[in-house]
């Protein structure tokens, strides 16, 4: 009976070691994906800031054109 219990315990420990290795591999993979996602997020945020800056410049140009048109004809 003691031998059977010891055998079962060995099997359980072996199973736990395998599960631990699988979890470590999954954790490494998820950590790599997280790092990549953070990099992509930072890149997208920079791109968004650039687009907002361009949009602001375009809006200012359009407003200036509207003001010129609203001011009436320019006499030559």
PDB file of N, CA and C in Angstrom:
ATOM      1  N   UNK A   1       0.822  -1.189   0.000  1.00  0.00           N
ATOM      2  CA  UNK A   1       0.000   0.000   0.000  1.00  0.00           C
ATOM      3  C   UNK A   1       0.874   1.264   0.000  1.00  0.00           C
ATOM      4  N   UNK A   2       1.937   1.255   0.792  1.00  0.00           N
ATOM      5  CA  UNK A   2       2.829   2.386   0.828  1.00  0.00           C
ATOM      6  C   UNK A   2       3.487   2.590  -0.533  1.00  0.00           C
ATOM      7  N   UNK A   3       3.828   1.475  -1.187  1.00  0.00           N
ATOM      8  CA  UNK A   3       4.448   1.560  -2.521  1.00  0.00           C
ATOM      9  C   UNK A   3       3.480   2.167  -3.534  1.00  0.00           C
ATOM     10  N   UNK A   4       2.202   1.817  -3.449  1.00  0.00           N
ATOM     11  CA  UNK A   4       1.189   2.367  -4.358  1.00  0.00           C
ATOM     12  C   UNK A   4       1.012   3.858  -4.108  1.00  0.00           C
ATOM     13  N   UNK A   5       0.990   4.260  -2.846  1.00  0.00           N
ATOM     14  CA  UNK A   5       0.843   5.678  -2.518  1.00  0.00           C
ATOM     15  C   UNK A   5       2.051   6.463  -3.010  1.00  0.00           C
ATOM     16  N   UNK A   6       3.242   5.910  -2.852  1.00  0.00           N
ATOM     17  CA  UNK A   6       4.452   6.564  -3.315  1.00  0.00           C
ATOM     18  C   UNK A   6       4.442   6.703  -4.836  1.00  0.00           C
ATOM     19  N   UNK A   7       3.966   5.667  -5.510  1.00  0.00           N
ATOM     20  CA  UNK A   7       3.872   5.697  -6.966  1.00  0.00           C
ATOM     21  C   UNK A   7       2.879   6.765  -7.425  1.00  0.00           C
ATOM     22  N   UNK A   8       1.753   6.837  -6.727  1.00  0.00           N
ATOM     23  CA  UNK A   8       0.752   7.865  -7.061  1.00  0.00           C
ATOM     24  C   UNK A   8       1.322   9.268  -6.828  1.00  0.00           C
ATOM     25  N   UNK A   9       2.050   9.422  -5.738  1.00  0.00           N
ATOM     26  CA  UNK A   9       2.639  10.712  -5.422  1.00  0.00           C
ATOM     27  C   UNK A   9       3.671  11.114  -6.476  1.00  0.00           C
ATOM     28  N   UNK A  10       4.460  10.167  -6.910  1.00  0.00           N
ATOM     29  CA  UNK A  10       5.435  10.436  -7.970  1.00  0.00           C
ATOM     30  C   UNK A  10       4.736  10.877  -9.248  1.00  0.00           C
ATOM     31  N   UNK A  11       3.632  10.210  -9.571  1.00  0.00           N
ATOM     32  CA  UNK A  11       2.886  10.556 -10.775  1.00  0.00           C
ATOM     33  C   UNK A  11       2.290  11.959 -10.659  1.00  0.00           C
ATOM     34  N   UNK A  12       1.752  12.276  -9.490  1.00  0.00           N
ATOM     35  CA  UNK A  12       1.179  13.606  -9.279  1.00  0.00           C
ATOM     36  C   UNK A  12       2.249  14.693  -9.384  1.00  0.00           C
ATOM     37  N   UNK A  13       3.411  14.435  -8.792  1.00  0.00           N
ATOM     38  CA  UNK A  13       4.507  15.400  -8.881  1.00  0.00           C
ATOM     39  C   UNK A  13       4.936  15.566 -10.332  1.00  0.00           C
ATOM     40  N   UNK A  14       5.035  14.483 -11.060  1.00  0.00           N
ATOM     41  CA  UNK A  14       5.402  14.542 -12.469  1.00  0.00           C
ATOM     42  C   UNK A  14       4.386  15.360 -13.264  1.00  0.00           C
ATOM     43  N   UNK A  15       3.108  15.126 -12.993  1.00  0.00           N
ATOM     44  CA  UNK A  15       2.046  15.885 -13.669  1.00  0.00           C
ATOM     45  C   UNK A  15       2.146  17.377 -13.344  1.00  0.00           C
ATOM     46  N   UNK A  16       2.402  17.679 -12.078  1.00  0.00           N
ATOM     47  CA  UNK A  16       2.522  19.079 -11.678  1.00  0.00           C
ATOM     48  C   UNK A  16       3.724  19.753 -12.331  1.00  0.00           C
ATOM     49  N   UNK A  17       4.819  19.039 -12.448  1.00  0.00           N
ATOM     50  CA  UNK A  17       6.004  19.588 -13.102  1.00  0.00           C
ATOM     51  C   UNK A  17       5.694  19.884 -14.571  1.00  0.00           C
ATOM     52  N   UNK A  18       4.991  18.959 -15.230  1.00  0.00           N
ATOM     53  CA  UNK A  18       4.629  19.173 -16.634  1.00  0.00           C
ATOM     54  C   UNK A  18       3.685  20.368 -16.774  1.00  0.00           C
ATOM     55  N   UNK A  19       2.714  20.475 -15.883  1.00  0.00           N
ATOM     56  CA  UNK A  19       1.786  21.608 -15.920  1.00  0.00           C
ATOM     57  C   UNK A  19       2.530  22.918 -15.694  1.00  0.00           C
ATOM     58  N   UNK A  20       3.482  22.896 -14.759  1.00  0.00           N
ATOM     59  CA  UNK A  20       4.267  24.089 -14.475  1.00  0.00           C
ATOM     60  C   UNK A  20       5.068  24.513 -15.709  1.00  0.00           C
ATOM     61  N   UNK A  21       5.673  23.554 -16.385  1.00  0.00           N
ATOM     62  CA  UNK A  21       6.444  23.864 -17.590  1.00  0.00           C
ATOM     63  C   UNK A  21       5.542  24.443 -18.676  1.00  0.00           C
ATOM     64  N   UNK A  22       4.359  23.863 -18.815  1.00  0.00           N
ATOM     65  CA  UNK A  22       3.420  24.381 -19.813  1.00  0.00           C
ATOM     66  C   UNK A  22       2.989  25.804 -19.464  1.00  0.00           C
ATOM     67  N   UNK A  23       2.735  26.050 -18.182  1.00  0.00           N
ATOM     68  CA  UNK A  23       2.332  27.390 -17.756  1.00  0.00           C
ATOM     69  C   UNK A  23       3.468  28.399 -17.935  1.00  0.00           C
ATOM     70  N   UNK A  24       4.686  27.986 -17.675  1.00  0.00           N
ATOM     71  CA  UNK A  24       5.820  28.876 -17.889  1.00  0.00           C
ATOM     72  C   UNK A  24       5.966  29.241 -19.368  1.00  0.00           C
ATOM     73  N   UNK A  25       5.783  28.259 -20.228  1.00  0.00           N
ATOM     74  CA  UNK A  25       5.863  28.521 -21.673  1.00  0.00           C
ATOM     75  C   UNK A  25       4.751  29.478 -22.104  1.00  0.00           C
ATOM     76  N   UNK A  26       3.553  29.250 -21.595  1.00  0.00           N
ATOM     77  CA  UNK A  26       2.426  30.129 -21.917  1.00  0.00           C
ATOM     78  C   UNK A  26       2.690  31.544 -21.404  1.00  0.00           C
ATOM     79  N   UNK A  27       3.231  31.635 -20.201  1.00  0.00           N
ATOM     80  CA  UNK A  27       3.542  32.938 -19.618  1.00  0.00           C
ATOM     81  C   UNK A  27       4.580  33.677 -20.458  1.00  0.00           C
ATOM     82  N   UNK A  28       5.595  32.976 -20.918  1.00  0.00           N
ATOM     83  CA  UNK A  28       6.607  33.604 -21.777  1.00  0.00           C
ATOM     84  C   UNK A  28       5.982  34.110 -23.066  1.00  0.00           C
ATOM     85  N   UNK A  29       5.131  33.290 -23.647  1.00  0.00           N
ATOM     86  CA  UNK A  29       4.474  33.675 -24.894  1.00  0.00           C
ATOM     87  C   UNK A  29       3.592  34.909 -24.691  1.00  0.00           C
ATOM     88  N   UNK A  30       2.822  34.902 -23.610  1.00  0.00           N
ATOM     89  CA  UNK A  30       1.945  36.038 -23.334  1.00  0.00           C
ATOM     90  C   UNK A  30       2.754  37.299 -23.018  1.00  0.00           C
ATOM     91  N   UNK A  31       3.872  37.144 -22.344  1.00  0.00           N
ATOM     92  CA  UNK A  31       4.727  38.296 -22.051  1.00  0.00           C
ATOM     93  C   UNK A  31       5.273  38.899 -23.345  1.00  0.00           C
ATOM     94  N   UNK A  32       5.660  38.045 -24.273  1.00  0.00           N
ATOM     95  CA  UNK A  32       6.164  38.533 -25.563  1.00  0.00           C
ATOM     96  C   UNK A  32       5.056  39.242 -26.328  1.00  0.00           C
ATOM     97  N   UNK A  33       3.860  38.662 -26.319  1.00  0.00           N
ATOM     98  CA  UNK A  33       2.729  39.293 -27.007  1.00  0.00           C
ATOM     99  C   UNK A  33       2.386  40.634 -26.369  1.00  0.00           C
ATOM    100  N   UNK A  34       2.453  40.692 -25.043  1.00  0.00           N
ATOM    101  CA  UNK A  34       2.159  41.943 -24.345  1.00  0.00           C
ATOM    102  C   UNK A  34       3.169  43.021 -24.723  1.00  0.00           C
ATOM    103  N   UNK A  35       4.432  42.662 -24.765  1.00  0.00           N
ATOM    104  CA  UNK A  35       5.464  43.631 -25.144  1.00  0.00           C
ATOM    105  C   UNK A  35       5.229  44.138 -26.566  1.00  0.00           C
ATOM    106  N   UNK A  36       4.878  43.229 -27.471  1.00  0.00           N
ATOM    107  CA  UNK A  36       4.615  43.626 -28.856  1.00  0.00           C
ATOM    108  C   UNK A  36       3.387  44.529 -28.927  1.00  0.00           C
ATOM    109  N   UNK A  37       2.360  44.189 -28.167  1.00  0.00           N
ATOM    110  CA  UNK A  37       1.135  44.987 -28.173  1.00  0.00           C
ATOM    111  C   UNK A  37       1.390  46.377 -27.600  1.00  0.00           C
ATOM    112  N   UNK A  38       2.221  46.449 -26.558  1.00  0.00           N
ATOM    113  CA  UNK A  38       2.568  47.760 -26.003  1.00  0.00           C
ATOM    114  C   UNK A  38       3.306  48.608 -27.029  1.00  0.00           C
ATOM    115  N   UNK A  39       4.223  47.995 -27.766  1.00  0.00           N
ATOM    116  CA  UNK A  39       4.946  48.719 -28.813  1.00  0.00           C
ATOM    117  C   UNK A  39       3.989  49.215 -29.899  1.00  0.00           C
ATOM    118  N   UNK A  40       3.068  48.347 -30.303  1.00  0.00           N
ATOM    119  CA  UNK A  40       2.091  48.736 -31.331  1.00  0.00           C
ATOM    120  C   UNK A  40       1.203  49.861 -30.824  1.00  0.00           C
ATOM    121  N   UNK A  41       0.810  49.779 -29.562  1.00  0.00           N
ATOM    122  CA  UNK A  41      -0.037  50.812 -28.976  1.00  0.00           C
ATOM    123  C   UNK A  41       0.686  52.158 -28.960  1.00  0.00           C
ATOM    124  N   UNK A  42       1.943  52.146 -28.569  1.00  0.00           N
ATOM    125  CA  UNK A  42       2.727  53.377 -28.544  1.00  0.00           C
ATOM    126  C   UNK A  42       2.848  53.965 -29.948  1.00  0.00           C
ATOM    127  N   UNK A  43       3.087  53.097 -30.916  1.00  0.00           N
ATOM    128  CA  UNK A  43       3.194  53.543 -32.301  1.00  0.00           C
ATOM    129  C   UNK A  43       1.885  54.154 -32.780  1.00  0.00           C
ATOM    130  N   UNK A  44       0.778  53.508 -32.438  1.00  0.00           N
ATOM    131  CA  UNK A  44      -0.535  54.028 -32.842  1.00  0.00           C
ATOM    132  C   UNK A  44      -0.830  55.362 -32.163  1.00  0.00           C
ATOM    133  N   UNK A  45      -0.421  55.501 -30.908  1.00  0.00           N
ATOM    134  CA  UNK A  45      -0.651  56.771 -30.217  1.00  0.00           C
ATOM    135  C   UNK A  45       0.153  57.899 -30.871  1.00  0.00           C
ATOM    136  N   UNK A  46       1.393  57.601 -31.246  1.00  0.00           N
ATOM    137  CA  UNK A  46       2.201  58.615 -31.933  1.00  0.00           C
ATOM    138  C   UNK A  46       1.583  58.984 -33.274  1.00  0.00           C
ATOM    139  N   UNK A  47       1.101  57.975 -33.980  1.00  0.00           N
ATOM    140  CA  UNK A  47       0.461  58.226 -35.265  1.00  0.00           C
ATOM    141  C   UNK A  47      -0.789  59.080 -35.087  1.00  0.00           C
ATOM    142  N   UNK A  48      -1.555  58.793 -34.062  1.00  0.00           N
ATOM    143  CA  UNK A  48      -2.762  59.574 -33.785  1.00  0.00           C
ATOM    144  C   UNK A  48      -2.411  61.021 -33.479  1.00  0.00           C
ATOM    145  N   UNK A  49      -1.364  61.222 -32.695  1.00  0.00           N
ATOM    146  CA  UNK A  49      -0.941  62.592 -32.377  1.00  0.00           C
ATOM    147  C   UNK A  49      -0.535  63.339 -33.644  1.00  0.00           C
ATOM    148  N   UNK A  50       0.172  62.647 -34.540  1.00  0.00           N
ATOM    149  CA  UNK A  50       0.571  63.278 -35.797  1.00  0.00           C
ATOM    150  C   UNK A  50      -0.650  63.631 -36.631  1.00  0.00           C
ATOM    151  N   UNK A  51      -1.621  62.722 -36.685  1.00  0.00           N
ATOM    152  CA  UNK A  51      -2.834  62.985 -37.460  1.00  0.00           C
ATOM    153  C   UNK A  51      -3.618  64.153 -36.865  1.00  0.00           C
ATOM    154  N   UNK A  52      -3.692  64.210 -35.536  1.00  0.00           N
ATOM    155  CA  UNK A  52      -4.394  65.321 -34.895  1.00  0.00           C
ATOM    156  C   UNK A  52      -3.697  66.648 -35.188  1.00  0.00           C
ATOM    157  N   UNK A  53      -2.368  66.614 -35.214  1.00  0.00           N
ATOM    158  CA  UNK A  53      -1.608  67.823 -35.529  1.00  0.00           C
ATOM    159  C   UNK A  53      -1.888  68.274 -36.960  1.00  0.00           C
ATOM    160  N   UNK A  54      -1.895  67.322 -37.892  1.00  0.00           N
ATOM    161  CA  UNK A  54      -2.192  67.652 -39.292  1.00  0.00           C
ATOM    162  C   UNK A  54      -3.615  68.171 -39.431  1.00  0.00           C
ATOM    163  N   UNK A  55      -4.541  67.539 -38.707  1.00  0.00           N
ATOM    164  CA  UNK A  55      -5.933  67.968 -38.773  1.00  0.00           C
ATOM    165  C   UNK A  55      -6.077  69.393 -38.243  1.00  0.00           C
ATOM    166  N   UNK A  56      -5.357  69.696 -37.164  1.00  0.00           N
ATOM    167  CA  UNK A  56      -5.396  71.054 -36.614  1.00  0.00           C
ATOM    168  C   UNK A  56      -4.872  72.069 -37.610  1.00  0.00           C
ATOM    169  N   UNK A  57      -3.781  71.738 -38.296  1.00  0.00           N
ATOM    170  CA  UNK A  57      -3.215  72.644 -39.300  1.00  0.00           C
ATOM    171  C   UNK A  57      -4.186  72.830 -40.459  1.00  0.00           C
ATOM    172  N   UNK A  58      -4.811  71.751 -40.885  1.00  0.00           N
ATOM    173  CA  UNK A  58      -5.776  71.833 -41.983  1.00  0.00           C
ATOM    174  C   UNK A  58      -6.978  72.671 -41.578  1.00  0.00           C
ATOM    175  N   UNK A  59      -7.452  72.483 -40.354  1.00  0.00           N
ATOM    176  CA  UNK A  59      -8.589  73.259 -39.853  1.00  0.00           C
ATOM    177  C   UNK A  59      -8.247  74.745 -39.831  1.00  0.00           C
ATOM    178  N   UNK A  60      -7.039  75.062 -39.379  1.00  0.00           N
ATOM    179  CA  UNK A  60      -6.615  76.469 -39.339  1.00  0.00           C
ATOM    180  C   UNK A  60      -6.576  77.061 -40.742  1.00  0.00           C
ATOM    181  N   UNK A  61      -6.086  76.294 -41.710  1.00  0.00           N
ATOM    182  CA  UNK A  61      -6.028  76.793 -43.094  1.00  0.00           C
ATOM    183  C   UNK A  61      -7.432  77.011 -43.645  1.00  0.00           C
ATOM    184  N   UNK A  62      -8.327  76.075 -43.362  1.00  0.00           N
ATOM    185  CA  UNK A  62      -9.714  76.217 -43.853  1.00  0.00           C
ATOM    186  C   UNK A  62     -10.367  77.440 -43.215  1.00  0.00           C
ATOM    187  N   UNK A  63     -10.158  77.617 -41.913  1.00  0.00           N
ATOM    188  CA  UNK A  63     -10.738  78.784 -41.242  1.00  0.00           C
ATOM    189  C   UNK A  63     -10.196  80.084 -41.834  1.00  0.00           C
ATOM    190  N   UNK A  64      -8.915  80.110 -42.140  1.00  0.00           N
ATOM    191  CA  UNK A  64      -8.332  81.310 -42.748  1.00  0.00           C
ATOM    192  C   UNK A  64      -8.952  81.571 -44.110  1.00  0.00           C
ATOM    193  N   UNK A  65      -9.183  80.524 -44.891  1.00  0.00           N
ATOM    194  CA  UNK A  65      -9.814  80.695 -46.199  1.00  0.00           C
ATOM    195  C   UNK A  65     -11.248  81.199 -46.057  1.00  0.00           C
ATOM    196  N   UNK A  66     -11.974  80.646 -45.094  1.00  0.00           N
ATOM    197  CA  UNK A  66     -13.356  81.082 -44.866  1.00  0.00           C
ATOM    198  C   UNK A  66     -13.374  82.551 -44.458  1.00  0.00           C
ATOM    199  N   UNK A  67     -12.449  82.947 -43.615  1.00  0.00           N
ATOM    200  CA  UNK A  67     -12.386  84.351 -43.204  1.00  0.00           C
ATOM    201  C   UNK A  67     -12.082  85.267 -44.391  1.00  0.00           C
ATOM    202  N   UNK A  68     -11.219  84.800 -45.264  1.00  0.00           N
ATOM    203  CA  UNK A  68     -10.905  85.614 -46.464  1.00  0.00           C
ATOM    204  C   UNK A  68     -12.132  85.752 -47.334  1.00  0.00           C
ATOM    205  N   UNK A  69     -12.857  84.685 -47.506  1.00  0.00           N
ATOM    206  CA  UNK A  69     -14.071  84.729 -48.346  1.00  0.00           C
ATOM    207  C   UNK A  69     -15.127  85.607 -47.667  1.00  0.00           C
ATOM    208  N   UNK A  70     -15.250  85.490 -46.358  1.00  0.00           N
ATOM    209  CA  UNK A  70     -16.251  86.270 -45.624  1.00  0.00           C
ATOM    210  C   UNK A  70     -15.938  87.751 -45.619  1.00  0.00           C
ATOM    211  N   UNK A  71     -14.672  88.101 -45.769  1.00  0.00           N
ATOM    212  CA  UNK A  71     -14.258  89.514 -45.736  1.00  0.00           C
ATOM    213  C   UNK A  71     -14.705  90.263 -46.977  1.00  0.00           C
ATOM    214  N   UNK A  72     -15.098  89.529 -47.973  1.00  0.00           N
ATOM    215  CA  UNK A  72     -15.572  90.200 -49.188  1.00  0.00           C
ATOM    216  C   UNK A  72     -14.493  90.227 -50.249  1.00  0.00           C
ATOM    217  N   UNK A  73     -14.857  90.757 -51.414  1.00  0.00           N
ATOM    218  CA  UNK A  73     -13.912  90.800 -52.515  1.00  0.00           C
ATOM    219  C   UNK A  73     -12.763  91.761 -52.223  1.00  0.00           C
ATOM    220  N   UNK A  74     -11.652  91.398 -52.729  1.00  0.00           N
ATOM    221  CA  UNK A  74     -10.454  92.233 -52.583  1.00  0.00           C
ATOM    222  C   UNK A  74     -10.386  93.164 -53.785  1.00  0.00           C
ATOM    223  N   UNK A  75     -10.242  94.460 -53.522  1.00  0.00           N
ATOM    224  CA  UNK A  75     -10.144  95.407 -54.636  1.00  0.00           C
ATOM    225  C   UNK A  75      -8.733  95.465 -55.141  1.00  0.00           C
ATOM    226  N   UNK A  76      -8.611  95.523 -56.459  1.00  0.00           N
ATOM    227  CA  UNK A  76      -7.283  95.512 -57.070  1.00  0.00           C
ATOM    228  C   UNK A  76      -6.837  96.863 -57.488  1.00  0.00           C
TER     229      UNK A  76
END
